[in-house]
Amino acid sequence: ETQRGHQLGRVIFNGSAIPNTGIPGAVAG
């Protein structure tokens, strides 16, 4: 998983990462 947030860095052995939202992760809000 590459999306910023609680799941960042999680290893997925079945299925896919969170779909691309097109919105960058928040940095300092």
PDB file of all heavy atoms in Angstrom:
ATOM      1  N   GLU A   1       0.842  -1.200   0.000  1.00  0.00           N
ATOM      2  CA  GLU A   1       0.000   0.000   0.000  1.00  0.00           C
ATOM      3  C   GLU A   1       0.878   1.251   0.000  1.00  0.00           C
ATOM      4  O   GLU A   1       1.818   1.359   0.796  1.00  0.00           O
ATOM      5  CB  GLU A   1      -0.925   0.004   1.221  1.00  0.00           C
ATOM      6  CG  GLU A   1      -1.870   1.183   1.288  1.00  0.00           C
ATOM      7  CD  GLU A   1      -2.735   1.285   0.035  1.00  0.00           C
ATOM      8  OE1 GLU A   1      -3.527   0.361  -0.209  1.00  0.00           O
ATOM      9  OE2 GLU A   1      -2.589   2.294  -0.687  1.00  0.00           O
ATOM     10  N   THR A   2       0.551   2.198  -0.881  1.00  0.00           N
ATOM     11  CA  THR A   2       1.347   3.421  -0.999  1.00  0.00           C
ATOM     12  C   THR A   2       0.575   4.689  -0.656  1.00  0.00           C
ATOM     13  O   THR A   2       1.158   5.779  -0.679  1.00  0.00           O
ATOM     14  CB  THR A   2       1.902   3.566  -2.437  1.00  0.00           C
ATOM     15  OG1 THR A   2       0.804   3.575  -3.363  1.00  0.00           O
ATOM     16  CG2 THR A   2       2.847   2.425  -2.770  1.00  0.00           C
ATOM     17  N   GLN A   3      -0.704   4.563  -0.342  1.00  0.00           N
ATOM     18  CA  GLN A   3      -1.475   5.752  -0.003  1.00  0.00           C
ATOM     19  C   GLN A   3      -1.212   6.154   1.448  1.00  0.00           C
ATOM     20  O   GLN A   3      -1.232   5.314   2.357  1.00  0.00           O
ATOM     21  CB  GLN A   3      -2.974   5.505  -0.199  1.00  0.00           C
ATOM     22  CG  GLN A   3      -3.806   6.771   0.000  1.00  0.00           C
ATOM     23  CD  GLN A   3      -5.269   6.541  -0.304  1.00  0.00           C
ATOM     24  OE1 GLN A   3      -6.106   6.535   0.596  1.00  0.00           O
ATOM     25  NE2 GLN A   3      -5.597   6.353  -1.576  1.00  0.00           N
ATOM     26  N   ARG A   4      -0.938   7.442   1.656  1.00  0.00           N
ATOM     27  CA  ARG A   4      -0.698   7.933   3.009  1.00  0.00           C
ATOM     28  C   ARG A   4      -1.892   7.624   3.904  1.00  0.00           C
ATOM     29  O   ARG A   4      -3.037   7.645   3.471  1.00  0.00           O
ATOM     30  CB  ARG A   4      -0.463   9.448   3.005  1.00  0.00           C
ATOM     31  CG  ARG A   4       0.883   9.860   2.430  1.00  0.00           C
ATOM     32  CD  ARG A   4       1.063  11.372   2.540  1.00  0.00           C
ATOM     33  NE  ARG A   4       2.285  11.819   1.894  1.00  0.00           N
ATOM     34  CZ  ARG A   4       3.477  11.880   2.483  1.00  0.00           C
ATOM     35  NH1 ARG A   4       3.591  11.503   3.740  1.00  0.00           N
ATOM     36  NH2 ARG A   4       4.535  12.311   1.820  1.00  0.00           N
ATOM     37  N   GLY A   5      -1.600   7.359   5.168  1.00  0.00           N
ATOM     38  CA  GLY A   5      -2.668   7.055   6.100  1.00  0.00           C
ATOM     39  C   GLY A   5      -2.376   5.780   6.871  1.00  0.00           C
ATOM     40  O   GLY A   5      -1.249   5.269   6.880  1.00  0.00           O
ATOM     41  N   HIS A   6      -3.391   5.236   7.495  1.00  0.00           N
ATOM     42  CA  HIS A   6      -3.248   4.101   8.398  1.00  0.00           C
ATOM     43  C   HIS A   6      -2.725   2.846   7.702  1.00  0.00           C
ATOM     44  O   HIS A   6      -2.038   2.028   8.325  1.00  0.00           O
ATOM     45  CB  HIS A   6      -4.613   3.799   9.046  1.00  0.00           C
ATOM     46  CG  HIS A   6      -4.555   2.760  10.122  1.00  0.00           C
ATOM     47  ND1 HIS A   6      -4.009   3.005  11.355  1.00  0.00           N
ATOM     48  CD2 HIS A   6      -4.959   1.463  10.139  1.00  0.00           C
ATOM     49  CE1 HIS A   6      -4.092   1.915  12.097  1.00  0.00           C
ATOM     50  NE2 HIS A   6      -4.662   0.962  11.387  1.00  0.00           N
ATOM     51  N   GLN A   7      -3.018   2.682   6.403  1.00  0.00           N
ATOM     52  CA  GLN A   7      -2.638   1.466   5.694  1.00  0.00           C
ATOM     53  C   GLN A   7      -1.273   1.556   5.013  1.00  0.00           C
ATOM     54  O   GLN A   7      -0.810   0.565   4.447  1.00  0.00           O
ATOM     55  CB  GLN A   7      -3.699   1.146   4.625  1.00  0.00           C
ATOM     56  CG  GLN A   7      -5.104   0.972   5.159  1.00  0.00           C
ATOM     57  CD  GLN A   7      -5.225  -0.196   6.123  1.00  0.00           C
ATOM     58  OE1 GLN A   7      -4.609  -1.232   5.927  1.00  0.00           O
ATOM     59  NE2 GLN A   7      -6.020  -0.024   7.168  1.00  0.00           N
ATOM     60  N   LEU A   8      -0.640   2.714   5.049  1.00  0.00           N
ATOM     61  CA  LEU A   8       0.623   2.907   4.339  1.00  0.00           C
ATOM     62  C   LEU A   8       1.649   1.845   4.713  1.00  0.00           C
ATOM     63  O   LEU A   8       1.932   1.623   5.891  1.00  0.00           O
ATOM     64  CB  LEU A   8       1.196   4.298   4.645  1.00  0.00           C
ATOM     65  CG  LEU A   8       2.535   4.636   3.988  1.00  0.00           C
ATOM     66  CD1 LEU A   8       2.414   4.658   2.474  1.00  0.00           C
ATOM     67  CD2 LEU A   8       3.064   5.977   4.497  1.00  0.00           C
ATOM     68  N   GLY A   9       2.222   1.194   3.693  1.00  0.00           N
ATOM     69  CA  GLY A   9       3.247   0.189   3.920  1.00  0.00           C
ATOM     70  C   GLY A   9       2.717  -1.200   4.196  1.00  0.00           C
ATOM     71  O   GLY A   9       3.506  -2.150   4.302  1.00  0.00           O
ATOM     72  N   ARG A  10       1.414  -1.361   4.287  1.00  0.00           N
ATOM     73  CA  ARG A  10       0.838  -2.676   4.570  1.00  0.00           C
ATOM     74  C   ARG A  10       1.084  -3.630   3.410  1.00  0.00           C
ATOM     75  O   ARG A  10       1.002  -3.253   2.242  1.00  0.00           O
ATOM     76  CB  ARG A  10      -0.662  -2.547   4.833  1.00  0.00           C
ATOM     77  CG  ARG A  10      -1.336  -3.865   5.235  1.00  0.00           C
ATOM     78  CD  ARG A  10      -2.801  -3.644   5.542  1.00  0.00           C
ATOM     79  NE  ARG A  10      -2.979  -2.830   6.748  1.00  0.00           N
ATOM     80  CZ  ARG A  10      -2.985  -3.329   7.982  1.00  0.00           C
ATOM     81  NH1 ARG A  10      -2.817  -4.632   8.169  1.00  0.00           N
ATOM     82  NH2 ARG A  10      -3.158  -2.535   9.019  1.00  0.00           N
ATOM     83  N   VAL A  11       1.379  -4.881   3.736  1.00  0.00           N
ATOM     84  CA  VAL A  11       1.600  -5.914   2.727  1.00  0.00           C
ATOM     85  C   VAL A  11       0.278  -6.604   2.418  1.00  0.00           C
ATOM     86  O   VAL A  11      -0.424  -7.054   3.321  1.00  0.00           O
ATOM     87  CB  VAL A  11       2.629  -6.950   3.202  1.00  0.00           C
ATOM     88  CG1 VAL A  11       2.883  -7.986   2.099  1.00  0.00           C
ATOM     89  CG2 VAL A  11       3.932  -6.278   3.603  1.00  0.00           C
ATOM     90  N   ILE A  12      -0.045  -6.675   1.135  1.00  0.00           N
ATOM     91  CA  ILE A  12      -1.289  -7.299   0.681  1.00  0.00           C
ATOM     92  C   ILE A  12      -0.930  -8.549  -0.118  1.00  0.00           C
ATOM     93  O   ILE A  12      -0.212  -8.464  -1.121  1.00  0.00           O
ATOM     94  CB  ILE A  12      -2.097  -6.324  -0.207  1.00  0.00           C
ATOM     95  CG1 ILE A  12      -2.395  -5.035   0.567  1.00  0.00           C
ATOM     96  CG2 ILE A  12      -3.382  -6.976  -0.717  1.00  0.00           C
ATOM     97  CD1 ILE A  12      -2.842  -3.889  -0.315  1.00  0.00           C
ATOM     98  N   PHE A  13      -1.420  -9.709   0.325  1.00  0.00           N
ATOM     99  CA  PHE A  13      -1.138 -10.952  -0.372  1.00  0.00           C
ATOM    100  C   PHE A  13      -2.310 -11.428  -1.223  1.00  0.00           C
ATOM    101  O   PHE A  13      -2.151 -12.322  -2.053  1.00  0.00           O
ATOM    102  CB  PHE A  13      -0.741 -12.043   0.623  1.00  0.00           C
ATOM    103  CG  PHE A  13       0.585 -11.791   1.291  1.00  0.00           C
ATOM    104  CD1 PHE A  13       0.644 -11.426   2.629  1.00  0.00           C
ATOM    105  CD2 PHE A  13       1.769 -11.896   0.583  1.00  0.00           C
ATOM    106  CE1 PHE A  13       1.855 -11.193   3.253  1.00  0.00           C
ATOM    107  CE2 PHE A  13       2.996 -11.658   1.196  1.00  0.00           C
ATOM    108  CZ  PHE A  13       3.040 -11.301   2.531  1.00  0.00           C
ATOM    109  N   ASN A  14      -3.459 -10.834  -1.007  1.00  0.00           N
ATOM    110  CA  ASN A  14      -4.635 -11.153  -1.809  1.00  0.00           C
ATOM    111  C   ASN A  14      -5.408  -9.869  -2.077  1.00  0.00           C
ATOM    112  O   ASN A  14      -5.898  -9.238  -1.140  1.00  0.00           O
ATOM    113  CB  ASN A  14      -5.544 -12.161  -1.097  1.00  0.00           C
ATOM    114  CG  ASN A  14      -4.933 -13.544  -1.006  1.00  0.00           C
ATOM    115  OD1 ASN A  14      -4.863 -14.261  -2.003  1.00  0.00           O
ATOM    116  ND2 ASN A  14      -4.467 -13.922   0.180  1.00  0.00           N
ATOM    117  N   GLY A  15      -5.481  -9.472  -3.339  1.00  0.00           N
ATOM    118  CA  GLY A  15      -6.200  -8.253  -3.674  1.00  0.00           C
ATOM    119  C   GLY A  15      -5.288  -7.123  -4.072  1.00  0.00           C
ATOM    120  O   GLY A  15      -4.107  -7.319  -4.385  1.00  0.00           O
ATOM    121  N   SER A  16      -5.826  -5.907  -4.043  1.00  0.00           N
ATOM    122  CA  SER A  16      -5.132  -4.739  -4.574  1.00  0.00           C
ATOM    123  C   SER A  16      -5.000  -3.633  -3.540  1.00  0.00           C
ATOM    124  O   SER A  16      -5.673  -3.639  -2.514  1.00  0.00           O
ATOM    125  CB  SER A  16      -5.880  -4.205  -5.803  1.00  0.00           C
ATOM    126  OG  SER A  16      -6.044  -5.211  -6.774  1.00  0.00           O
ATOM    127  N   ALA A  17      -4.141  -2.681  -3.859  1.00  0.00           N
ATOM    128  CA  ALA A  17      -3.988  -1.490  -3.026  1.00  0.00           C
ATOM    129  C   ALA A  17      -5.202  -0.582  -3.217  1.00  0.00           C
ATOM    130  O   ALA A  17      -6.015  -0.784  -4.122  1.00  0.00           O
ATOM    131  CB  ALA A  17      -2.707  -0.752  -3.396  1.00  0.00           C
ATOM    132  N   ILE A  18      -5.314   0.420  -2.372  1.00  0.00           N
ATOM    133  CA  ILE A  18      -6.402   1.394  -2.484  1.00  0.00           C
ATOM    134  C   ILE A  18      -6.308   2.074  -3.847  1.00  0.00           C
ATOM    135  O   ILE A  18      -5.219   2.515  -4.242  1.00  0.00           O
ATOM    136  CB  ILE A  18      -6.316   2.434  -1.351  1.00  0.00           C
ATOM    137  CG1 ILE A  18      -6.463   1.749   0.017  1.00  0.00           C
ATOM    138  CG2 ILE A  18      -7.383   3.519  -1.523  1.00  0.00           C
ATOM    139  CD1 ILE A  18      -6.134   2.649   1.191  1.00  0.00           C
ATOM    140  N   PRO A  19      -7.409   2.169  -4.602  1.00  0.00           N
ATOM    141  CA  PRO A  19      -7.364   2.809  -5.928  1.00  0.00           C
ATOM    142  C   PRO A  19      -6.848   4.235  -5.851  1.00  0.00           C
ATOM    143  O   PRO A  19      -7.018   4.927  -4.839  1.00  0.00           O
ATOM    144  CB  PRO A  19      -8.827   2.780  -6.379  1.00  0.00           C
ATOM    145  CG  PRO A  19      -9.443   1.649  -5.611  1.00  0.00           C
ATOM    146  CD  PRO A  19      -8.748   1.660  -4.271  1.00  0.00           C
ATOM    147  N   ASN A  20      -6.210   4.669  -6.929  1.00  0.00           N
ATOM    148  CA  ASN A  20      -5.675   6.020  -7.000  1.00  0.00           C
ATOM    149  C   ASN A  20      -6.800   7.048  -6.921  1.00  0.00           C
ATOM    150  O   ASN A  20      -7.745   7.008  -7.711  1.00  0.00           O
ATOM    151  CB  ASN A  20      -4.893   6.202  -8.302  1.00  0.00           C
ATOM    152  CG  ASN A  20      -4.287   7.584  -8.428  1.00  0.00           C
ATOM    153  OD1 ASN A  20      -3.901   8.190  -7.436  1.00  0.00           O
ATOM    154  ND2 ASN A  20      -4.197   8.084  -9.652  1.00  0.00           N
ATOM    155  N   THR A  21      -6.708   7.973  -5.975  1.00  0.00           N
ATOM    156  CA  THR A  21      -7.743   8.996  -5.807  1.00  0.00           C
ATOM    157  C   THR A  21      -7.465  10.226  -6.650  1.00  0.00           C
ATOM    158  O   THR A  21      -8.357  11.041  -6.883  1.00  0.00           O
ATOM    159  CB  THR A  21      -7.834   9.434  -4.336  1.00  0.00           C
ATOM    160  OG1 THR A  21      -6.582  10.033  -3.946  1.00  0.00           O
ATOM    161  CG2 THR A  21      -8.117   8.245  -3.423  1.00  0.00           C
ATOM    162  N   GLY A  22      -6.208  10.379  -7.099  1.00  0.00           N
ATOM    163  CA  GLY A  22      -5.839  11.572  -7.855  1.00  0.00           C
ATOM    164  C   GLY A  22      -5.558  12.767  -6.967  1.00  0.00           C
ATOM    165  O   GLY A  22      -5.210  13.852  -7.444  1.00  0.00           O
ATOM    166  N   ILE A  23      -5.705  12.579  -5.639  1.00  0.00           N
ATOM    167  CA  ILE A  23      -5.452  13.658  -4.677  1.00  0.00           C
ATOM    168  C   ILE A  23      -4.241  13.284  -3.832  1.00  0.00           C
ATOM    169  O   ILE A  23      -4.244  12.251  -3.169  1.00  0.00           O
ATOM    170  CB  ILE A  23      -6.665  13.890  -3.761  1.00  0.00           C
ATOM    171  CG1 ILE A  23      -7.894  14.250  -4.611  1.00  0.00           C
ATOM    172  CG2 ILE A  23      -6.374  14.992  -2.748  1.00  0.00           C
ATOM    173  CD1 ILE A  23      -9.179  14.362  -3.802  1.00  0.00           C
ATOM    174  N   PRO A  24      -3.178  14.069  -3.850  1.00  0.00           N
ATOM    175  CA  PRO A  24      -1.984  13.759  -3.059  1.00  0.00           C
ATOM    176  C   PRO A  24      -2.305  13.714  -1.567  1.00  0.00           C
ATOM    177  O   PRO A  24      -3.217  14.388  -1.090  1.00  0.00           O
ATOM    178  CB  PRO A  24      -1.038  14.920  -3.372  1.00  0.00           C
ATOM    179  CG  PRO A  24      -1.561  15.508  -4.646  1.00  0.00           C
ATOM    180  CD  PRO A  24      -3.039  15.322  -4.610  1.00  0.00           C
ATOM    181  N   GLY A  25      -1.541  12.913  -0.843  1.00  0.00           N
ATOM    182  CA  GLY A  25      -1.713  12.849   0.603  1.00  0.00           C
ATOM    183  C   GLY A  25      -1.389  14.182   1.256  1.00  0.00           C
ATOM    184  O   GLY A  25      -0.582  14.966   0.746  1.00  0.00           O
ATOM    185  N   ALA A  26      -2.012  14.436   2.385  1.00  0.00           N
ATOM    186  CA  ALA A  26      -1.838  15.715   3.074  1.00  0.00           C
ATOM    187  C   ALA A  26      -0.462  15.833   3.721  1.00  0.00           C
ATOM    188  O   ALA A  26       0.029  14.906   4.352  1.00  0.00           O
ATOM    189  CB  ALA A  26      -2.916  15.889   4.127  1.00  0.00           C
ATOM    190  N   VAL A  27       0.170  16.981   3.530  1.00  0.00           N
ATOM    191  CA  VAL A  27       1.409  17.346   4.214  1.00  0.00           C
ATOM    192  C   VAL A  27       1.141  18.671   4.899  1.00  0.00           C
ATOM    193  O   VAL A  27       0.861  19.672   4.232  1.00  0.00           O
ATOM    194  CB  VAL A  27       2.594  17.469   3.230  1.00  0.00           C
ATOM    195  CG1 VAL A  27       3.817  18.021   3.945  1.00  0.00           C
ATOM    196  CG2 VAL A  27       2.912  16.127   2.602  1.00  0.00           C
ATOM    197  N   ALA A  28       1.187  18.679   6.222  1.00  0.00           N
ATOM    198  CA  ALA A  28       0.852  19.881   7.004  1.00  0.00           C
ATOM    199  C   ALA A  28      -0.542  20.399   6.628  1.00  0.00           C
ATOM    200  O   ALA A  28      -0.758  21.608   6.558  1.00  0.00           O
ATOM    201  CB  ALA A  28       1.907  20.966   6.818  1.00  0.00           C
ATOM    202  N   GLY A  29      -1.449  19.475   6.358  1.00  0.00           N
ATOM    203  CA  GLY A  29      -2.819  19.839   6.040  1.00  0.00           C
ATOM    204  C   GLY A  29      -3.066  20.235   4.597  1.00  0.00           C
ATOM    205  O   GLY A  29      -4.201  20.526   4.215  1.00  0.00           O
TER     206      GLY A  29
END
